[in-house]
């Protein structure tokens, strides 16, 4: 049916030229559609690869930290010692601050008494 309409509209002499033009247009559209699909597929693959890479880096970092901790301080004694030292330093810092405040207040009251 399409062939008959084409012969009537275009004429028998022009059919080869029209067919070449139509085939070229169809090929071009298919090529553009394939390029578009490849682009979408590549984008999806890159997104997935980025996510996988991030997950691997995160897991590798966690594994490395765990391995280092296990090799350096397998019993956890070092960590406890560090925590105790931090607590002692904090307490010492507070004591120094309190002592400084007491001395400052004492100096201020002496200065007021003298003046």
PDB file of N, CA and C in Angstrom:
ATOM      1  N   UNK A   1       0.811  -1.182   0.000  1.00  0.00           N
ATOM      2  CA  UNK A   1       0.000   0.000   0.000  1.00  0.00           C
ATOM      3  C   UNK A   1       0.866   1.263   0.000  1.00  0.00           C
ATOM      4  N   UNK A   2       1.898   1.275   0.885  1.00  0.00           N
ATOM      5  CA  UNK A   2       2.802   2.428   0.943  1.00  0.00           C
ATOM      6  C   UNK A   2       3.537   2.579  -0.381  1.00  0.00           C
ATOM      7  N   UNK A   3       3.936   1.461  -0.955  1.00  0.00           N
ATOM      8  CA  UNK A   3       4.632   1.493  -2.247  1.00  0.00           C
ATOM      9  C   UNK A   3       3.769   2.097  -3.343  1.00  0.00           C
ATOM     10  N   UNK A   4       2.495   1.723  -3.369  1.00  0.00           N
ATOM     11  CA  UNK A   4       1.574   2.254  -4.375  1.00  0.00           C
ATOM     12  C   UNK A   4       1.398   3.767  -4.212  1.00  0.00           C
ATOM     13  N   UNK A   5       1.236   4.226  -2.966  1.00  0.00           N
ATOM     14  CA  UNK A   5       1.087   5.658  -2.699  1.00  0.00           C
ATOM     15  C   UNK A   5       2.362   6.395  -3.091  1.00  0.00           C
ATOM     16  N   UNK A   6       3.499   5.810  -2.822  1.00  0.00           N
ATOM     17  CA  UNK A   6       4.778   6.438  -3.179  1.00  0.00           C
ATOM     18  C   UNK A   6       4.908   6.567  -4.692  1.00  0.00           C
ATOM     19  N   UNK A   7       4.553   5.532  -5.422  1.00  0.00           N
ATOM     20  CA  UNK A   7       4.630   5.577  -6.894  1.00  0.00           C
ATOM     21  C   UNK A   7       3.705   6.662  -7.432  1.00  0.00           C
ATOM     22  N   UNK A   8       2.506   6.750  -6.873  1.00  0.00           N
ATOM     23  CA  UNK A   8       1.549   7.741  -7.352  1.00  0.00           C
ATOM     24  C   UNK A   8       1.991   9.172  -7.007  1.00  0.00           C
ATOM     25  N   UNK A   9       2.540   9.382  -5.817  1.00  0.00           N
ATOM     26  CA  UNK A   9       2.917  10.733  -5.386  1.00  0.00           C
ATOM     27  C   UNK A   9       4.225  11.167  -6.018  1.00  0.00           C
ATOM     28  N   UNK A  10       5.245  10.329  -5.967  1.00  0.00           N
ATOM     29  CA  UNK A  10       6.588  10.697  -6.417  1.00  0.00           C
ATOM     30  C   UNK A  10       6.765  10.420  -7.901  1.00  0.00           C
ATOM     31  N   UNK A  11       6.242   9.368  -8.318  1.00  0.00           N
ATOM     32  CA  UNK A  11       6.418   8.969  -9.715  1.00  0.00           C
ATOM     33  C   UNK A  11       7.484   7.902  -9.806  1.00  0.00           C
ATOM     34  N   UNK A  12       7.387   7.023 -10.817  1.00  0.00           N
ATOM     35  CA  UNK A  12       8.309   5.895 -10.921  1.00  0.00           C
ATOM     36  C   UNK A  12       9.745   6.306 -11.192  1.00  0.00           C
ATOM     37  N   UNK A  13       9.987   7.410 -11.824  1.00  0.00           N
ATOM     38  CA  UNK A  13      11.357   7.826 -12.135  1.00  0.00           C
ATOM     39  C   UNK A  13      12.109   8.289 -10.881  1.00  0.00           C
ATOM     40  N   UNK A  14      11.409   8.885  -9.916  1.00  0.00           N
ATOM     41  CA  UNK A  14      12.060   9.467  -8.731  1.00  0.00           C
ATOM     42  C   UNK A  14      12.151   8.507  -7.548  1.00  0.00           C
ATOM     43  N   UNK A  15      11.580   7.328  -7.645  1.00  0.00           N
ATOM     44  CA  UNK A  15      11.570   6.380  -6.510  1.00  0.00           C
ATOM     45  C   UNK A  15      12.979   6.023  -6.036  1.00  0.00           C
ATOM     46  N   UNK A  16      13.942   5.704  -6.903  1.00  0.00           N
ATOM     47  CA  UNK A  16      15.279   5.365  -6.385  1.00  0.00           C
ATOM     48  C   UNK A  16      15.901   6.505  -5.570  1.00  0.00           C
ATOM     49  N   UNK A  17      15.767   7.729  -6.017  1.00  0.00           N
ATOM     50  CA  UNK A  17      16.336   8.874  -5.297  1.00  0.00           C
ATOM     51  C   UNK A  17      15.632   9.064  -3.946  1.00  0.00           C
ATOM     52  N   UNK A  18      14.323   8.962  -3.939  1.00  0.00           N
ATOM     53  CA  UNK A  18      13.547   9.114  -2.705  1.00  0.00           C
ATOM     54  C   UNK A  18      13.901   8.011  -1.722  1.00  0.00           C
ATOM     55  N   UNK A  19      14.025   6.779  -2.215  1.00  0.00           N
ATOM     56  CA  UNK A  19      14.391   5.660  -1.333  1.00  0.00           C
ATOM     57  C   UNK A  19      15.775   5.859  -0.730  1.00  0.00           C
ATOM     58  N   UNK A  20      16.743   6.312  -1.521  1.00  0.00           N
ATOM     59  CA  UNK A  20      18.083   6.588  -0.993  1.00  0.00           C
ATOM     60  C   UNK A  20      18.023   7.657   0.094  1.00  0.00           C
ATOM     61  N   UNK A  21      17.246   8.689  -0.146  1.00  0.00           N
ATOM     62  CA  UNK A  21      17.109   9.773   0.834  1.00  0.00           C
ATOM     63  C   UNK A  21      16.463   9.266   2.120  1.00  0.00           C
ATOM     64  N   UNK A  22      15.413   8.477   1.987  1.00  0.00           N
ATOM     65  CA  UNK A  22      14.721   7.932   3.160  1.00  0.00           C
ATOM     66  C   UNK A  22      15.635   6.986   3.933  1.00  0.00           C
ATOM     67  N   UNK A  23      16.343   6.106   3.216  1.00  0.00           N
ATOM     68  CA  UNK A  23      17.249   5.163   3.878  1.00  0.00           C
ATOM     69  C   UNK A  23      18.354   5.923   4.605  1.00  0.00           C
ATOM     70  N   UNK A  24      18.915   6.954   3.977  1.00  0.00           N
ATOM     71  CA  UNK A  24      19.967   7.753   4.619  1.00  0.00           C
ATOM     72  C   UNK A  24      19.434   8.432   5.881  1.00  0.00           C
ATOM     73  N   UNK A  25      18.212   8.966   5.806  1.00  0.00           N
ATOM     74  CA  UNK A  25      17.607   9.619   6.971  1.00  0.00           C
ATOM     75  C   UNK A  25      17.370   8.614   8.101  1.00  0.00           C
ATOM     76  N   UNK A  26      16.881   7.424   7.753  1.00  0.00           N
ATOM     77  CA  UNK A  26      16.633   6.388   8.770  1.00  0.00           C
ATOM     78  C   UNK A  26      17.945   5.966   9.419  1.00  0.00           C
ATOM     79  N   UNK A  27      19.007   5.790   8.611  1.00  0.00           N
ATOM     80  CA  UNK A  27      20.319   5.431   9.164  1.00  0.00           C
ATOM     81  C   UNK A  27      20.836   6.496  10.117  1.00  0.00           C
ATOM     82  N   UNK A  28      20.662   7.754   9.728  1.00  0.00           N
ATOM     83  CA  UNK A  28      21.134   8.849  10.569  1.00  0.00           C
ATOM     84  C   UNK A  28      20.384   8.865  11.895  1.00  0.00           C
ATOM     85  N   UNK A  29      19.068   8.693  11.846  1.00  0.00           N
ATOM     86  CA  UNK A  29      18.259   8.672  13.070  1.00  0.00           C
ATOM     87  C   UNK A  29      18.663   7.496  13.951  1.00  0.00           C
ATOM     88  N   UNK A  30      18.880   6.330  13.347  1.00  0.00           N
ATOM     89  CA  UNK A  30      19.324   5.162  14.126  1.00  0.00           C
ATOM     90  C   UNK A  30      20.689   5.406  14.755  1.00  0.00           C
ATOM     91  N   UNK A  31      21.587   6.022  13.992  1.00  0.00           N
ATOM     92  CA  UNK A  31      22.918   6.336  14.521  1.00  0.00           C
ATOM     93  C   UNK A  31      22.839   7.287  15.704  1.00  0.00           C
ATOM     94  N   UNK A  32      22.004   8.320  15.594  1.00  0.00           N
ATOM     95  CA  UNK A  32      21.824   9.255  16.705  1.00  0.00           C
ATOM     96  C   UNK A  32      21.222   8.560  17.919  1.00  0.00           C
ATOM     97  N   UNK A  33      20.249   7.682  17.678  1.00  0.00           N
ATOM     98  CA  UNK A  33      19.631   6.945  18.784  1.00  0.00           C
ATOM     99  C   UNK A  33      20.658   6.032  19.455  1.00  0.00           C
ATOM    100  N   UNK A  34      21.501   5.366  18.659  1.00  0.00           N
ATOM    101  CA  UNK A  34      22.539   4.504  19.226  1.00  0.00           C
ATOM    102  C   UNK A  34      23.555   5.313  20.032  1.00  0.00           C
ATOM    103  N   UNK A  35      23.964   6.470  19.493  1.00  0.00           N
ATOM    104  CA  UNK A  35      24.898   7.331  20.219  1.00  0.00           C
ATOM    105  C   UNK A  35      24.308   7.792  21.549  1.00  0.00           C
ATOM    106  N   UNK A  36      23.045   8.173  21.502  1.00  0.00           N
ATOM    107  CA  UNK A  36      22.360   8.604  22.721  1.00  0.00           C
ATOM    108  C   UNK A  36      22.316   7.466  23.735  1.00  0.00           C
ATOM    109  N   UNK A  37      21.960   6.273  23.284  1.00  0.00           N
ATOM    110  CA  UNK A  37      21.879   5.119  24.188  1.00  0.00           C
ATOM    111  C   UNK A  37      23.249   4.786  24.774  1.00  0.00           C
ATOM    112  N   UNK A  38      24.297   4.829  23.926  1.00  0.00           N
ATOM    113  CA  UNK A  38      25.654   4.580  24.424  1.00  0.00           C
ATOM    114  C   UNK A  38      26.053   5.608  25.477  1.00  0.00           C
ATOM    115  N   UNK A  39      25.693   6.867  25.231  1.00  0.00           N
ATOM    116  CA  UNK A  39      26.000   7.919  26.201  1.00  0.00           C
ATOM    117  C   UNK A  39      25.323   7.687  27.536  1.00  0.00           C
ATOM    118  N   UNK A  40      24.061   7.302  27.473  1.00  0.00           N
ATOM    119  CA  UNK A  40      23.311   7.012  28.704  1.00  0.00           C
ATOM    120  C   UNK A  40      23.919   5.806  29.419  1.00  0.00           C
ATOM    121  N   UNK A  41      24.241   4.765  28.675  1.00  0.00           N
ATOM    122  CA  UNK A  41      24.848   3.573  29.275  1.00  0.00           C
ATOM    123  C   UNK A  41      26.189   3.902  29.924  1.00  0.00           C
ATOM    124  N   UNK A  42      26.990   4.708  29.244  1.00  0.00           N
ATOM    125  CA  UNK A  42      28.305   5.083  29.780  1.00  0.00           C
ATOM    126  C   UNK A  42      28.152   5.908  31.052  1.00  0.00           C
ATOM    127  N   UNK A  43      27.202   6.827  31.049  1.00  0.00           N
ATOM    128  CA  UNK A  43      26.951   7.641  32.234  1.00  0.00           C
ATOM    129  C   UNK A  43      26.526   6.775  33.410  1.00  0.00           C
ATOM    130  N   UNK A  44      25.648   5.834  33.151  1.00  0.00           N
ATOM    131  CA  UNK A  44      25.199   4.917  34.214  1.00  0.00           C
ATOM    132  C   UNK A  44      26.364   4.077  34.718  1.00  0.00           C
ATOM    133  N   UNK A  45      27.195   3.589  33.799  1.00  0.00           N
ATOM    134  CA  UNK A  45      28.339   2.768  34.191  1.00  0.00           C
ATOM    135  C   UNK A  45      29.325   3.587  35.029  1.00  0.00           C
ATOM    136  N   UNK A  46      29.592   4.828  34.605  1.00  0.00           N
ATOM    137  CA  UNK A  46      30.514   5.683  35.364  1.00  0.00           C
ATOM    138  C   UNK A  46      29.972   5.975  36.760  1.00  0.00           C
ATOM    139  N   UNK A  47      28.675   6.222  36.845  1.00  0.00           N
ATOM    140  CA  UNK A  47      28.062   6.486  38.149  1.00  0.00           C
ATOM    141  C   UNK A  47      28.192   5.272  39.046  1.00  0.00           C
ATOM    142  N   UNK A  48      27.914   4.106  38.498  1.00  0.00           N
ATOM    143  CA  UNK A  48      28.039   2.875  39.279  1.00  0.00           C
ATOM    144  C   UNK A  48      29.491   2.644  39.681  1.00  0.00           C
ATOM    145  N   UNK A  49      30.413   2.880  38.762  1.00  0.00           N
ATOM    146  CA  UNK A  49      31.829   2.686  39.059  1.00  0.00           C
ATOM    147  C   UNK A  49      32.306   3.651  40.135  1.00  0.00           C
ATOM    148  N   UNK A  50      31.855   4.899  40.072  1.00  0.00           N
ATOM    149  CA  UNK A  50      32.227   5.858  41.108  1.00  0.00           C
ATOM    150  C   UNK A  50      31.724   5.400  42.468  1.00  0.00           C
ATOM    151  N   UNK A  51      30.498   4.930  42.520  1.00  0.00           N
ATOM    152  CA  UNK A  51      29.928   4.466  43.781  1.00  0.00           C
ATOM    153  C   UNK A  51      30.691   3.251  44.298  1.00  0.00           C
ATOM    154  N   UNK A  52      31.002   2.329  43.405  1.00  0.00           N
ATOM    155  CA  UNK A  52      31.762   1.135  43.801  1.00  0.00           C
ATOM    156  C   UNK A  52      33.148   1.538  44.297  1.00  0.00           C
ATOM    157  N   UNK A  53      33.804   2.468  43.577  1.00  0.00           N
ATOM    158  CA  UNK A  53      35.129   2.933  43.981  1.00  0.00           C
ATOM    159  C   UNK A  53      35.086   3.574  45.362  1.00  0.00           C
ATOM    160  N   UNK A  54      34.071   4.404  45.609  1.00  0.00           N
ATOM    161  CA  UNK A  54      33.935   5.043  46.917  1.00  0.00           C
ATOM    162  C   UNK A  54      33.722   4.008  48.014  1.00  0.00           C
ATOM    163  N   UNK A  55      32.889   3.014  47.729  1.00  0.00           N
ATOM    164  CA  UNK A  55      32.655   1.957  48.713  1.00  0.00           C
ATOM    165  C   UNK A  55      33.939   1.188  49.005  1.00  0.00           C
ATOM    166  N   UNK A  56      34.692   0.874  47.952  1.00  0.00           N
ATOM    167  CA  UNK A  56      35.950   0.149  48.144  1.00  0.00           C
ATOM    168  C   UNK A  56      36.949   0.967  48.945  1.00  0.00           C
ATOM    169  N   UNK A  57      37.066   2.250  48.635  1.00  0.00           N
ATOM    170  CA  UNK A  57      37.992   3.105  49.376  1.00  0.00           C
ATOM    171  C   UNK A  57      37.591   3.192  50.842  1.00  0.00           C
ATOM    172  N   UNK A  58      36.305   3.328  51.088  1.00  0.00           N
ATOM    173  CA  UNK A  58      35.804   3.411  52.466  1.00  0.00           C
ATOM    174  C   UNK A  58      36.124   2.122  53.222  1.00  0.00           C
ATOM    175  N   UNK A  59      35.833   0.973  52.587  1.00  0.00           N
ATOM    176  CA  UNK A  59      36.101  -0.313  53.232  1.00  0.00           C
ATOM    177  C   UNK A  59      37.595  -0.533  53.437  1.00  0.00           C
ATOM    178  N   UNK A  60      38.395  -0.140  52.457  1.00  0.00           N
ATOM    179  CA  UNK A  60      39.842  -0.307  52.582  1.00  0.00           C
ATOM    180  C   UNK A  60      40.373   0.533  53.731  1.00  0.00           C
ATOM    181  N   UNK A  61      39.859   1.745  53.869  1.00  0.00           N
ATOM    182  CA  UNK A  61      40.299   2.628  54.952  1.00  0.00           C
ATOM    183  C   UNK A  61      39.929   2.028  56.301  1.00  0.00           C
ATOM    184  N   UNK A  62      38.695   1.516  56.414  1.00  0.00           N
ATOM    185  CA  UNK A  62      38.262   0.906  57.663  1.00  0.00           C
ATOM    186  C   UNK A  62      39.110  -0.317  57.986  1.00  0.00           C
ATOM    187  N   UNK A  63      39.373  -1.132  56.959  1.00  0.00           N
ATOM    188  CA  UNK A  63      40.188  -2.331  57.168  1.00  0.00           C
ATOM    189  C   UNK A  63      41.603  -1.944  57.599  1.00  0.00           C
ATOM    190  N   UNK A  64      42.175  -0.934  56.954  1.00  0.00           N
ATOM    191  CA  UNK A  64      43.531  -0.494  57.285  1.00  0.00           C
ATOM    192  C   UNK A  64      43.580   0.012  58.724  1.00  0.00           C
ATOM    193  N   UNK A  65      42.596   0.823  59.118  1.00  0.00           N
ATOM    194  CA  UNK A  65      42.561   1.319  60.488  1.00  0.00           C
ATOM    195  C   UNK A  65      42.450   0.167  61.487  1.00  0.00           C
ATOM    196  N   UNK A  66      41.605  -0.792  61.178  1.00  0.00           N
ATOM    197  CA  UNK A  66      41.422  -1.935  62.071  1.00  0.00           C
ATOM    198  C   UNK A  66      42.708  -2.758  62.164  1.00  0.00           C
ATOM    199  N   UNK A  67      43.352  -3.000  61.022  1.00  0.00           N
ATOM    200  CA  UNK A  67      44.593  -3.777  61.015  1.00  0.00           C
ATOM    201  C   UNK A  67      45.694  -3.055  61.777  1.00  0.00           C
ATOM    202  N   UNK A  68      45.798  -1.742  61.581  1.00  0.00           N
ATOM    203  CA  UNK A  68      46.806  -0.977  62.311  1.00  0.00           C
ATOM    204  C   UNK A  68      46.548  -1.032  63.808  1.00  0.00           C
ATOM    205  N   UNK A  69      45.309  -0.857  64.180  1.00  0.00           N
ATOM    206  CA  UNK A  69      44.971  -0.894  65.599  1.00  0.00           C
ATOM    207  C   UNK A  69      45.287  -2.263  66.197  1.00  0.00           C
ATOM    208  N   UNK A  70      44.955  -3.319  65.449  1.00  0.00           N
ATOM    209  CA  UNK A  70      45.216  -4.662  65.948  1.00  0.00           C
ATOM    210  C   UNK A  70      46.710  -4.963  66.021  1.00  0.00           C
ATOM    211  N   UNK A  71      47.494  -4.448  65.079  1.00  0.00           N
ATOM    212  CA  UNK A  71      48.927  -4.739  65.094  1.00  0.00           C
ATOM    213  C   UNK A  71      49.668  -3.875  66.105  1.00  0.00           C
ATOM    214  N   UNK A  72      49.232  -2.644  66.302  1.00  0.00           N
ATOM    215  CA  UNK A  72      49.918  -1.755  67.239  1.00  0.00           C
ATOM    216  C   UNK A  72      49.444  -1.995  68.670  1.00  0.00           C
ATOM    217  N   UNK A  73      48.164  -2.156  68.862  1.00  0.00           N
ATOM    218  CA  UNK A  73      47.596  -2.272  70.202  1.00  0.00           C
ATOM    219  C   UNK A  73      46.575  -3.408  70.241  1.00  0.00           C
ATOM    220  N   UNK A  74      47.041  -4.671  70.149  1.00  0.00           N
ATOM    221  CA  UNK A  74      46.099  -5.787  70.074  1.00  0.00           C
ATOM    222  C   UNK A  74      45.251  -5.964  71.333  1.00  0.00           C
ATOM    223  N   UNK A  75      45.773  -5.613  72.504  1.00  0.00           N
ATOM    224  CA  UNK A  75      45.013  -5.819  73.742  1.00  0.00           C
ATOM    225  C   UNK A  75      44.172  -4.606  74.114  1.00  0.00           C
ATOM    226  N   UNK A  76      44.445  -3.467  73.532  1.00  0.00           N
ATOM    227  CA  UNK A  76      43.692  -2.259  73.861  1.00  0.00           C
ATOM    228  C   UNK A  76      44.271  -1.518  75.048  1.00  0.00           C
ATOM    229  N   UNK A  77      45.377  -1.999  75.577  1.00  0.00           N
ATOM    230  CA  UNK A  77      46.002  -1.367  76.740  1.00  0.00           C
ATOM    231  C   UNK A  77      46.522   0.031  76.438  1.00  0.00           C
ATOM    232  N   UNK A  78      47.068   0.203  75.238  1.00  0.00           N
ATOM    233  CA  UNK A  78      47.587   1.516  74.866  1.00  0.00           C
ATOM    234  C   UNK A  78      46.469   2.544  74.805  1.00  0.00           C
ATOM    235  N   UNK A  79      45.368   2.157  74.239  1.00  0.00           N
ATOM    236  CA  UNK A  79      44.226   3.068  74.133  1.00  0.00           C
ATOM    237  C   UNK A  79      43.754   3.487  75.517  1.00  0.00           C
ATOM    238  N   UNK A  80      43.699   2.542  76.415  1.00  0.00           N
ATOM    239  CA  UNK A  80      43.284   2.855  77.782  1.00  0.00           C
ATOM    240  C   UNK A  80      44.280   3.804  78.445  1.00  0.00           C
ATOM    241  N   UNK A  81      45.559   3.576  78.229  1.00  0.00           N
ATOM    242  CA  UNK A  81      46.586   4.449  78.809  1.00  0.00           C
ATOM    243  C   UNK A  81      46.453   5.867  78.272  1.00  0.00           C
ATOM    244  N   UNK A  82      46.215   5.983  76.983  1.00  0.00           N
ATOM    245  CA  UNK A  82      46.059   7.308  76.380  1.00  0.00           C
ATOM    246  C   UNK A  82      44.837   8.009  76.960  1.00  0.00           C
ATOM    247  N   UNK A  83      43.747   7.291  77.135  1.00  0.00           N
ATOM    248  CA  UNK A  83      42.540   7.880  77.711  1.00  0.00           C
ATOM    249  C   UNK A  83      42.792   8.342  79.142  1.00  0.00           C
ATOM    250  N   UNK A  84      43.526   7.530  79.917  1.00  0.00           N
ATOM    251  CA  UNK A  84      43.844   7.906  81.293  1.00  0.00           C
ATOM    252  C   UNK A  84      44.716   9.163  81.321  1.00  0.00           C
ATOM    253  N   UNK A  85      45.711   9.221  80.417  1.00  0.00           N
ATOM    254  CA  UNK A  85      46.564  10.408  80.352  1.00  0.00           C
ATOM    255  C   UNK A  85      45.767  11.650  79.981  1.00  0.00           C
ATOM    256  N   UNK A  86      44.843  11.504  79.042  1.00  0.00           N
ATOM    257  CA  UNK A  86      44.011  12.640  78.665  1.00  0.00           C
ATOM    258  C   UNK A  86      43.186  13.122  79.852  1.00  0.00           C
ATOM    259  N   UNK A  87      42.648  12.192  80.621  1.00  0.00           N
ATOM    260  CA  UNK A  87      41.852  12.557  81.792  1.00  0.00           C
ATOM    261  C   UNK A  87      42.721  13.264  82.827  1.00  0.00           C
ATOM    262  N   UNK A  88      43.934  12.743  83.054  1.00  0.00           N
ATOM    263  CA  UNK A  88      44.841  13.360  84.020  1.00  0.00           C
ATOM    264  C   UNK A  88      45.239  14.765  83.571  1.00  0.00           C
ATOM    265  N   UNK A  89      45.542  14.914  82.289  1.00  0.00           N
ATOM    266  CA  UNK A  89      45.907  16.240  81.770  1.00  0.00           C
ATOM    267  C   UNK A  89      44.746  17.213  81.903  1.00  0.00           C
ATOM    268  N   UNK A  90      43.564  16.740  81.647  1.00  0.00           N
ATOM    269  CA  UNK A  90      42.391  17.589  81.782  1.00  0.00           C
ATOM    270  C   UNK A  90      42.218  18.032  83.231  1.00  0.00           C
ATOM    271  N   UNK A  91      42.376  17.076  84.153  1.00  0.00           N
ATOM    272  CA  UNK A  91      42.260  17.399  85.582  1.00  0.00           C
ATOM    273  C   UNK A  91      43.340  18.388  85.996  1.00  0.00           C
ATOM    274  N   UNK A  92      44.573  18.165  85.520  1.00  0.00           N
ATOM    275  CA  UNK A  92      45.681  19.053  85.850  1.00  0.00           C
ATOM    276  C   UNK A  92      45.437  20.450  85.298  1.00  0.00           C
ATOM    277  N   UNK A  93      44.930  20.519  84.090  1.00  0.00           N
ATOM    278  CA  UNK A  93      44.618  21.809  83.482  1.00  0.00           C
ATOM    279  C   UNK A  93      43.563  22.556  84.277  1.00  0.00           C
ATOM    280  N   UNK A  94      42.549  21.841  84.759  1.00  0.00           N
ATOM    281  CA  UNK A  94      41.511  22.466  85.572  1.00  0.00           C
ATOM    282  C   UNK A  94      42.085  22.952  86.896  1.00  0.00           C
ATOM    283  N   UNK A  95      42.978  22.157  87.501  1.00  0.00           N
ATOM    284  CA  UNK A  95      43.600  22.564  88.756  1.00  0.00           C
ATOM    285  C   UNK A  95      44.444  23.821  88.561  1.00  0.00           C
ATOM    286  N   UNK A  96      45.191  23.875  87.473  1.00  0.00           N
ATOM    287  CA  UNK A  96      46.018  25.054  87.186  1.00  0.00           C
ATOM    288  C   UNK A  96      45.133  26.271  86.982  1.00  0.00           C
ATOM    289  N   UNK A  97      44.047  26.103  86.289  1.00  0.00           N
ATOM    290  CA  UNK A  97      43.117  27.203  86.047  1.00  0.00           C
ATOM    291  C   UNK A  97      42.522  27.694  87.362  1.00  0.00           C
ATOM    292  N   UNK A  98      42.120  26.754  88.230  1.00  0.00           N
ATOM    293  CA  UNK A  98      41.573  27.137  89.533  1.00  0.00           C
ATOM    294  C   UNK A  98      42.619  27.873  90.357  1.00  0.00           C
ATOM    295  N   UNK A  99      43.855  27.369  90.350  1.00  0.00           N
ATOM    296  CA  UNK A  99      44.935  27.987  91.117  1.00  0.00           C
ATOM    297  C   UNK A  99      45.210  29.394  90.586  1.00  0.00           C
ATOM    298  N   UNK A 100      45.186  29.563  89.288  1.00  0.00           N
ATOM    299  CA  UNK A 100      45.409  30.869  88.673  1.00  0.00           C
ATOM    300  C   UNK A 100      44.299  31.835  89.060  1.00  0.00           C
ATOM    301  N   UNK A 101      43.080  31.356  89.078  1.00  0.00           N
ATOM    302  CA  UNK A 101      41.951  32.197  89.466  1.00  0.00           C
ATOM    303  C   UNK A 101      42.060  32.614  90.927  1.00  0.00           C
ATOM    304  N   UNK A 102      42.484  31.700  91.790  1.00  0.00           N
ATOM    305  CA  UNK A 102      42.639  32.007  93.217  1.00  0.00           C
ATOM    306  C   UNK A 102      43.736  33.051  93.395  1.00  0.00           C
ATOM    307  N   UNK A 103      44.883  32.850  92.715  1.00  0.00           N
ATOM    308  CA  UNK A 103      45.989  33.809  92.827  1.00  0.00           C
ATOM    309  C   UNK A 103      45.593  35.168  92.283  1.00  0.00           C
ATOM    310  N   UNK A 104      44.852  35.188  91.212  1.00  0.00           N
ATOM    311  CA  UNK A 104      44.403  36.441  90.604  1.00  0.00           C
ATOM    312  C   UNK A 104      43.461  37.178  91.546  1.00  0.00           C
ATOM    313  N   UNK A 105      42.572  36.452  92.163  1.00  0.00           N
ATOM    314  CA  UNK A 105      41.640  37.069  93.099  1.00  0.00           C
ATOM    315  C   UNK A 105      42.384  37.594  94.315  1.00  0.00           C
ATOM    316  N   UNK A 106      43.375  36.854  94.762  1.00  0.00           N
ATOM    317  CA  UNK A 106      44.173  37.273  95.913  1.00  0.00           C
ATOM    318  C   UNK A 106      44.954  38.543  95.592  1.00  0.00           C
ATOM    319  N   UNK A 107      45.530  38.613  94.400  1.00  0.00           N
ATOM    320  CA  UNK A 107      46.288  39.784  93.975  1.00  0.00           C
ATOM    321  C   UNK A 107      45.368  40.991  93.855  1.00  0.00           C
ATOM    322  N   UNK A 108      44.180  40.803  93.338  1.00  0.00           N
ATOM    323  CA  UNK A 108      43.221  41.895  93.186  1.00  0.00           C
ATOM    324  C   UNK A 108      42.782  42.434  94.545  1.00  0.00           C
ATOM    325  N   UNK A 109      42.581  41.554  95.511  1.00  0.00           N
ATOM    326  CA  UNK A 109      42.162  42.026  96.831  1.00  0.00           C
ATOM    327  C   UNK A 109      43.286  42.747  97.548  1.00  0.00           C
ATOM    328  N   UNK A 110      44.541  42.342  97.342  1.00  0.00           N
ATOM    329  CA  UNK A 110      45.689  43.025  97.931  1.00  0.00           C
ATOM    330  C   UNK A 110      45.847  44.419  97.317  1.00  0.00           C
ATOM    331  N   UNK A 111      45.624  44.506  96.026  1.00  0.00           N
ATOM    332  CA  UNK A 111      45.755  45.783  95.338  1.00  0.00           C
ATOM    333  C   UNK A 111      44.678  46.742  95.836  1.00  0.00           C
ATOM    334  N   UNK A 112      43.483  46.287  96.062  1.00  0.00           N
ATOM    335  CA  UNK A 112      42.401  47.128  96.567  1.00  0.00           C
ATOM    336  C   UNK A 112      42.679  47.573  98.004  1.00  0.00           C
ATOM    337  N   UNK A 113      43.265  46.664  98.799  1.00  0.00           N
ATOM    338  CA  UNK A 113      43.574  46.977 100.188  1.00  0.00           C
ATOM    339  C   UNK A 113      44.667  48.033 100.252  1.00  0.00           C
ATOM    340  N   UNK A 114      45.629  47.962  99.337  1.00  0.00           N
ATOM    341  CA  UNK A 114      46.758  48.892  99.333  1.00  0.00           C
ATOM    342  C   UNK A 114      46.322  50.272  98.882  1.00  0.00           C
ATOM    343  N   UNK A 115      45.375  50.331  97.947  1.00  0.00           N
ATOM    344  CA  UNK A 115      44.994  51.583  97.315  1.00  0.00           C
ATOM    345  C   UNK A 115      44.045  52.337  98.100  1.00  0.00           C
TER     346      UNK A 115
END
